[in-house]
Amino acid sequence: MRYVALLRGINVGGNAIIRMAELRECAADLGLEDVRTYIASGNLLFRSPERQASRLDTELGRAIDERFGLRVPVVVRSASEISRIASSIPAEWAGASDLRVTVAYLLRGANARGIAAGLKPREGIDELATAPGALIWATRRDALTRTGLKLVGTDAYRSMTLRNATTALKLAELLRS
């Protein structure tokens, strides 16, 4: 099966630095196949005969901790899950230059609808959608400081890893090829 592992909080602001070549090597040492990365923000694509992505979350997290001394939350999603999430990005949001579109891939156990219910998008500024295992939102670029979707520092924020829509769509494409 094809998967992507999304690592939370690496290579951001000079913290939790992991070189992608070393991450690929770490994954290959676990027996993962066709290992590649996409940009330096912790997107690891691979094949594995394992059918339970949650086992891969655990194995990769443990291997990263052992090899790099970093406790990094990892969420593994199958190619079909990534495709479903990417296809949930509203067409009018994808590529819209006046919007910042964010996909929040949720760590295991987090509930997209429950988190969404606790958020307060501001009318005319934010729009919010859910997909299984993800939240997707768009905020007007000219109103980013007025967003109602303030997540940083919340419990919900700690239960997700963020990618922009371009990255989300590219990951789906790479998993198809």
C-alpha atoms as a PDB file:
ATOM      1  CA  MET A   1       0.000   0.000   0.000  1.00  0.00           C
ATOM      2  CA  ARG A   2       1.065   3.587  -0.602  1.00  0.00           C
ATOM      3  CA  TYR A   3       1.227   5.984   2.324  1.00  0.00           C
ATOM      4  CA  VAL A   4       2.366   9.400   3.391  1.00  0.00           C
ATOM      5  CA  ALA A   5       3.686  10.093   6.866  1.00  0.00           C
ATOM      6  CA  LEU A   6       3.112  13.682   7.964  1.00  0.00           C
ATOM      7  CA  LEU A   7       5.498  14.786  10.693  1.00  0.00           C
ATOM      8  CA  ARG A   8       4.341  17.600  12.945  1.00  0.00           C
ATOM      9  CA  GLY A   9       6.560  20.557  13.708  1.00  0.00           C
ATOM     10  CA  ILE A  10       9.861  19.628  12.107  1.00  0.00           C
ATOM     11  CA  ASN A  11      12.158  22.109  10.358  1.00  0.00           C
ATOM     12  CA  VAL A  12      10.049  25.065  11.514  1.00  0.00           C
ATOM     13  CA  GLY A  13      11.769  28.151  12.882  1.00  0.00           C
ATOM     14  CA  GLY A  14      15.094  26.366  13.262  1.00  0.00           C
ATOM     15  CA  ASN A  15      13.601  23.787  15.639  1.00  0.00           C
ATOM     16  CA  ALA A  16      13.388  19.985  15.409  1.00  0.00           C
ATOM     17  CA  ILE A  17      15.685  19.878  12.405  1.00  0.00           C
ATOM     18  CA  ILE A  18      15.710  16.635  10.438  1.00  0.00           C
ATOM     19  CA  ARG A  19      17.463  16.406   7.076  1.00  0.00           C
ATOM     20  CA  MET A  20      15.225  14.743   4.517  1.00  0.00           C
ATOM     21  CA  ALA A  21      17.984  12.377   3.341  1.00  0.00           C
ATOM     22  CA  GLU A  22      18.374  11.151   6.927  1.00  0.00           C
ATOM     23  CA  LEU A  23      14.604  10.802   7.314  1.00  0.00           C
ATOM     24  CA  ARG A  24      14.461   8.696   4.135  1.00  0.00           C
ATOM     25  CA  GLU A  25      17.278   6.519   5.462  1.00  0.00           C
ATOM     26  CA  CYS A  26      15.496   6.117   8.812  1.00  0.00           C
ATOM     27  CA  ALA A  27      12.311   4.996   7.022  1.00  0.00           C
ATOM     28  CA  ALA A  28      14.178   2.622   4.723  1.00  0.00           C
ATOM     29  CA  ASP A  29      15.858   1.066   7.776  1.00  0.00           C
ATOM     30  CA  LEU A  30      12.346   0.185   9.017  1.00  0.00           C
ATOM     31  CA  GLY A  31      11.779  -1.798   5.826  1.00  0.00           C
ATOM     32  CA  LEU A  32       9.584   0.801   4.139  1.00  0.00           C
ATOM     33  CA  GLU A  33       9.891   0.776   0.357  1.00  0.00           C
ATOM     34  CA  ASP A  34      10.047   3.382  -2.417  1.00  0.00           C
ATOM     35  CA  VAL A  35      10.784   6.013   0.245  1.00  0.00           C
ATOM     36  CA  ARG A  36      10.841   9.648  -0.859  1.00  0.00           C
ATOM     37  CA  THR A  37      10.177  13.029   0.647  1.00  0.00           C
ATOM     38  CA  TYR A  38       8.374  16.086  -0.601  1.00  0.00           C
ATOM     39  CA  ILE A  39       9.755  19.438   0.553  1.00  0.00           C
ATOM     40  CA  ALA A  40      11.470  19.760   3.915  1.00  0.00           C
ATOM     41  CA  SER A  41       8.358  20.084   6.079  1.00  0.00           C
ATOM     42  CA  GLY A  42       8.070  16.411   6.975  1.00  0.00           C
ATOM     43  CA  ASN A  43       6.201  14.694   4.162  1.00  0.00           C
ATOM     44  CA  LEU A  44       7.443  11.136   3.747  1.00  0.00           C
ATOM     45  CA  LEU A  45       5.959   9.003   0.968  1.00  0.00           C
ATOM     46  CA  PHE A  46       6.474   5.240   0.931  1.00  0.00           C
ATOM     47  CA  ARG A  47       5.080   1.779   0.306  1.00  0.00           C
ATOM     48  CA  SER A  48       4.468  -0.838   2.952  1.00  0.00           C
ATOM     49  CA  PRO A  49       2.622  -4.159   3.123  1.00  0.00           C
ATOM     50  CA  GLU A  50       1.307  -3.046   6.553  1.00  0.00           C
ATOM     51  CA  ARG A  51      -2.460  -2.510   6.411  1.00  0.00           C
ATOM     52  CA  GLN A  52      -2.821  -0.627   9.707  1.00  0.00           C
ATOM     53  CA  ALA A  53      -1.564   2.927   9.333  1.00  0.00           C
ATOM     54  CA  SER A  54      -1.712   3.388  13.113  1.00  0.00           C
ATOM     55  CA  ARG A  55       1.087   0.825  13.483  1.00  0.00           C
ATOM     56  CA  LEU A  56       3.161   2.831  11.037  1.00  0.00           C
ATOM     57  CA  ASP A  57       2.496   6.026  13.055  1.00  0.00           C
ATOM     58  CA  THR A  58       3.938   4.309  16.114  1.00  0.00           C
ATOM     59  CA  GLU A  59       6.891   2.654  14.379  1.00  0.00           C
ATOM     60  CA  LEU A  60       7.974   5.833  12.612  1.00  0.00           C
ATOM     61  CA  GLY A  61       7.550   7.961  15.723  1.00  0.00           C
ATOM     62  CA  ARG A  62       9.664   5.542  17.737  1.00  0.00           C
ATOM     63  CA  ALA A  63      12.357   5.330  15.035  1.00  0.00           C
ATOM     64  CA  ILE A  64      12.559   9.124  14.770  1.00  0.00           C
ATOM     65  CA  ASP A  65      12.857   9.445  18.535  1.00  0.00           C
ATOM     66  CA  GLU A  66      15.610   6.805  18.665  1.00  0.00           C
ATOM     67  CA  ARG A  67      17.556   8.135  15.689  1.00  0.00           C
ATOM     68  CA  PHE A  68      17.178  11.914  16.096  1.00  0.00           C
ATOM     69  CA  GLY A  69      16.280  12.255  19.770  1.00  0.00           C
ATOM     70  CA  LEU A  70      13.039  14.027  18.819  1.00  0.00           C
ATOM     71  CA  ARG A  71       9.530  13.131  19.928  1.00  0.00           C
ATOM     72  CA  VAL A  72       7.678  14.097  16.783  1.00  0.00           C
ATOM     73  CA  PRO A  73       3.978  13.406  16.340  1.00  0.00           C
ATOM     74  CA  VAL A  74       3.500  11.376  13.154  1.00  0.00           C
ATOM     75  CA  VAL A  75       0.284  10.683  11.303  1.00  0.00           C
ATOM     76  CA  VAL A  76       0.282   8.159   8.483  1.00  0.00           C
ATOM     77  CA  ARG A  77      -2.465   8.276   5.882  1.00  0.00           C
ATOM     78  CA  SER A  78      -3.066   5.916   2.980  1.00  0.00           C
ATOM     79  CA  ALA A  79      -3.089   7.120  -0.595  1.00  0.00           C
ATOM     80  CA  SER A  80      -6.880   6.793  -0.678  1.00  0.00           C
ATOM     81  CA  GLU A  81      -7.270   8.856   2.518  1.00  0.00           C
ATOM     82  CA  ILE A  82      -4.971  11.576   1.156  1.00  0.00           C
ATOM     83  CA  SER A  83      -6.889  11.587  -2.121  1.00  0.00           C
ATOM     84  CA  ARG A  84     -10.231  11.869  -0.293  1.00  0.00           C
ATOM     85  CA  ILE A  85      -8.957  14.796   1.786  1.00  0.00           C
ATOM     86  CA  ALA A  86      -7.507  16.565  -1.265  1.00  0.00           C
ATOM     87  CA  SER A  87     -10.765  16.116  -3.171  1.00  0.00           C
ATOM     88  CA  SER A  88     -12.595  17.723  -0.222  1.00  0.00           C
ATOM     89  CA  ILE A  89     -10.848  21.038  -0.857  1.00  0.00           C
ATOM     90  CA  PRO A  90     -13.595  23.131  -2.482  1.00  0.00           C
ATOM     91  CA  ALA A  91     -12.712  23.774  -6.140  1.00  0.00           C
ATOM     92  CA  GLU A  92     -13.198  27.517  -5.750  1.00  0.00           C
ATOM     93  CA  TRP A  93     -10.571  27.570  -2.976  1.00  0.00           C
ATOM     94  CA  ALA A  94      -7.866  25.651  -4.826  1.00  0.00           C
ATOM     95  CA  GLY A  95      -5.555  28.131  -6.505  1.00  0.00           C
ATOM     96  CA  ALA A  96      -7.518  31.205  -5.367  1.00  0.00           C
ATOM     97  CA  SER A  97      -4.877  33.918  -4.970  1.00  0.00           C
ATOM     98  CA  ASP A  98      -7.009  35.886  -2.517  1.00  0.00           C
ATOM     99  CA  LEU A  99      -7.279  32.978  -0.045  1.00  0.00           C
ATOM    100  CA  ARG A 100      -4.908  31.144   2.265  1.00  0.00           C
ATOM    101  CA  VAL A 101      -6.130  27.556   2.266  1.00  0.00           C
ATOM    102  CA  THR A 102      -4.945  25.246   5.033  1.00  0.00           C
ATOM    103  CA  VAL A 103      -5.420  21.509   5.473  1.00  0.00           C
ATOM    104  CA  ALA A 104      -5.097  20.254   9.046  1.00  0.00           C
ATOM    105  CA  TYR A 105      -4.396  16.527   9.063  1.00  0.00           C
ATOM    106  CA  LEU A 106      -5.562  15.231  12.420  1.00  0.00           C
ATOM    107  CA  LEU A 107      -3.525  12.925  14.599  1.00  0.00           C
ATOM    108  CA  ARG A 108      -5.138   9.624  15.584  1.00  0.00           C
ATOM    109  CA  GLY A 109      -8.010  10.027  18.001  1.00  0.00           C
ATOM    110  CA  ALA A 110      -8.809  13.635  17.063  1.00  0.00           C
ATOM    111  CA  ASN A 111     -12.346  14.239  15.828  1.00  0.00           C
ATOM    112  CA  ALA A 112     -12.718  16.626  12.868  1.00  0.00           C
ATOM    113  CA  ARG A 113     -16.377  17.438  13.481  1.00  0.00           C
ATOM    114  CA  GLY A 114     -15.817  17.910  17.213  1.00  0.00           C
ATOM    115  CA  ILE A 115     -12.921  20.293  16.635  1.00  0.00           C
ATOM    116  CA  ALA A 116     -14.841  22.138  13.907  1.00  0.00           C
ATOM    117  CA  ALA A 117     -17.800  22.605  16.263  1.00  0.00           C
ATOM    118  CA  GLY A 118     -15.513  24.467  18.672  1.00  0.00           C
ATOM    119  CA  LEU A 119     -14.179  26.869  16.044  1.00  0.00           C
ATOM    120  CA  LYS A 120     -15.682  30.241  15.232  1.00  0.00           C
ATOM    121  CA  PRO A 121     -15.066  31.182  11.588  1.00  0.00           C
ATOM    122  CA  ARG A 122     -15.720  34.896  11.008  1.00  0.00           C
ATOM    123  CA  GLU A 123     -18.340  35.574   8.381  1.00  0.00           C
ATOM    124  CA  GLY A 124     -16.835  37.085   5.260  1.00  0.00           C
ATOM    125  CA  ILE A 125     -13.304  36.163   6.376  1.00  0.00           C
ATOM    126  CA  ASP A 126     -13.135  32.411   7.043  1.00  0.00           C
ATOM    127  CA  GLU A 127     -14.780  29.317   5.646  1.00  0.00           C
ATOM    128  CA  LEU A 128     -14.391  25.875   7.176  1.00  0.00           C
ATOM    129  CA  ALA A 129     -14.949  22.363   5.826  1.00  0.00           C
ATOM    130  CA  THR A 130     -14.291  18.910   7.237  1.00  0.00           C
ATOM    131  CA  ALA A 131     -13.174  15.649   5.720  1.00  0.00           C
ATOM    132  CA  PRO A 132     -12.547  12.325   7.459  1.00  0.00           C
ATOM    133  CA  GLY A 133      -9.319  12.890   9.373  1.00  0.00           C
ATOM    134  CA  ALA A 134      -8.936  16.533   8.403  1.00  0.00           C
ATOM    135  CA  LEU A 135     -10.148  20.094   8.682  1.00  0.00           C
ATOM    136  CA  ILE A 136      -9.856  22.420   5.716  1.00  0.00           C
ATOM    137  CA  TRP A 137     -10.240  26.157   5.919  1.00  0.00           C
ATOM    138  CA  ALA A 138      -9.820  29.236   3.784  1.00  0.00           C
ATOM    139  CA  THR A 139      -9.095  32.701   5.110  1.00  0.00           C
ATOM    140  CA  ARG A 140      -9.038  35.853   3.032  1.00  0.00           C
ATOM    141  CA  ARG A 141      -5.399  36.924   2.638  1.00  0.00           C
ATOM    142  CA  ASP A 142      -6.292  40.564   3.249  1.00  0.00           C
ATOM    143  CA  ALA A 143      -7.888  39.643   6.593  1.00  0.00           C
ATOM    144  CA  LEU A 144      -5.485  37.064   8.076  1.00  0.00           C
ATOM    145  CA  THR A 145      -5.119  39.015  11.330  1.00  0.00           C
ATOM    146  CA  ARG A 146      -8.899  39.060  11.765  1.00  0.00           C
ATOM    147  CA  THR A 147      -9.479  35.333  11.393  1.00  0.00           C
ATOM    148  CA  GLY A 148     -11.791  33.659  13.842  1.00  0.00           C
ATOM    149  CA  LEU A 149      -9.842  30.418  13.503  1.00  0.00           C
ATOM    150  CA  LYS A 150      -7.192  31.066  16.120  1.00  0.00           C
ATOM    151  CA  LEU A 151      -5.784  27.661  16.927  1.00  0.00           C
ATOM    152  CA  VAL A 152      -2.184  28.173  18.052  1.00  0.00           C
ATOM    153  CA  GLY A 153      -1.728  27.072  21.650  1.00  0.00           C
ATOM    154  CA  THR A 154      -5.014  25.174  21.869  1.00  0.00           C
ATOM    155  CA  ASP A 155      -5.501  21.457  22.510  1.00  0.00           C
ATOM    156  CA  ALA A 156      -6.982  21.198  19.018  1.00  0.00           C
ATOM    157  CA  TYR A 157      -3.816  22.688  17.509  1.00  0.00           C
ATOM    158  CA  ARG A 158      -1.656  20.085  19.230  1.00  0.00           C
ATOM    159  CA  SER A 159      -3.762  17.351  17.612  1.00  0.00           C
ATOM    160  CA  MET A 160      -3.003  18.331  14.006  1.00  0.00           C
ATOM    161  CA  THR A 161      -0.291  18.966  11.463  1.00  0.00           C
ATOM    162  CA  LEU A 162      -0.856  21.688   8.898  1.00  0.00           C
ATOM    163  CA  ARG A 163      -0.128  21.850   5.180  1.00  0.00           C
ATOM    164  CA  ASN A 164      -1.195  24.416   2.622  1.00  0.00           C
ATOM    165  CA  ALA A 165      -3.577  23.393  -0.158  1.00  0.00           C
ATOM    166  CA  THR A 166      -0.789  23.286  -2.742  1.00  0.00           C
ATOM    167  CA  THR A 167       1.099  20.724  -0.665  1.00  0.00           C
ATOM    168  CA  ALA A 168      -2.073  18.715   0.061  1.00  0.00           C
ATOM    169  CA  LEU A 169      -2.905  18.500  -3.630  1.00  0.00           C
ATOM    170  CA  LYS A 170       0.692  17.661  -4.589  1.00  0.00           C
ATOM    171  CA  LEU A 171       0.847  14.833  -2.031  1.00  0.00           C
ATOM    172  CA  ALA A 172      -2.312  13.316  -3.538  1.00  0.00           C
ATOM    173  CA  GLU A 173      -0.781  13.609  -7.009  1.00  0.00           C
ATOM    174  CA  LEU A 174       2.529  12.051  -5.935  1.00  0.00           C
ATOM    175  CA  LEU A 175       0.731   9.110  -4.332  1.00  0.00           C
ATOM    176  CA  ARG A 176      -1.114   8.470  -7.602  1.00  0.00           C
ATOM    177  CA  SER A 177       2.109   8.371  -9.658  1.00  0.00           C
END
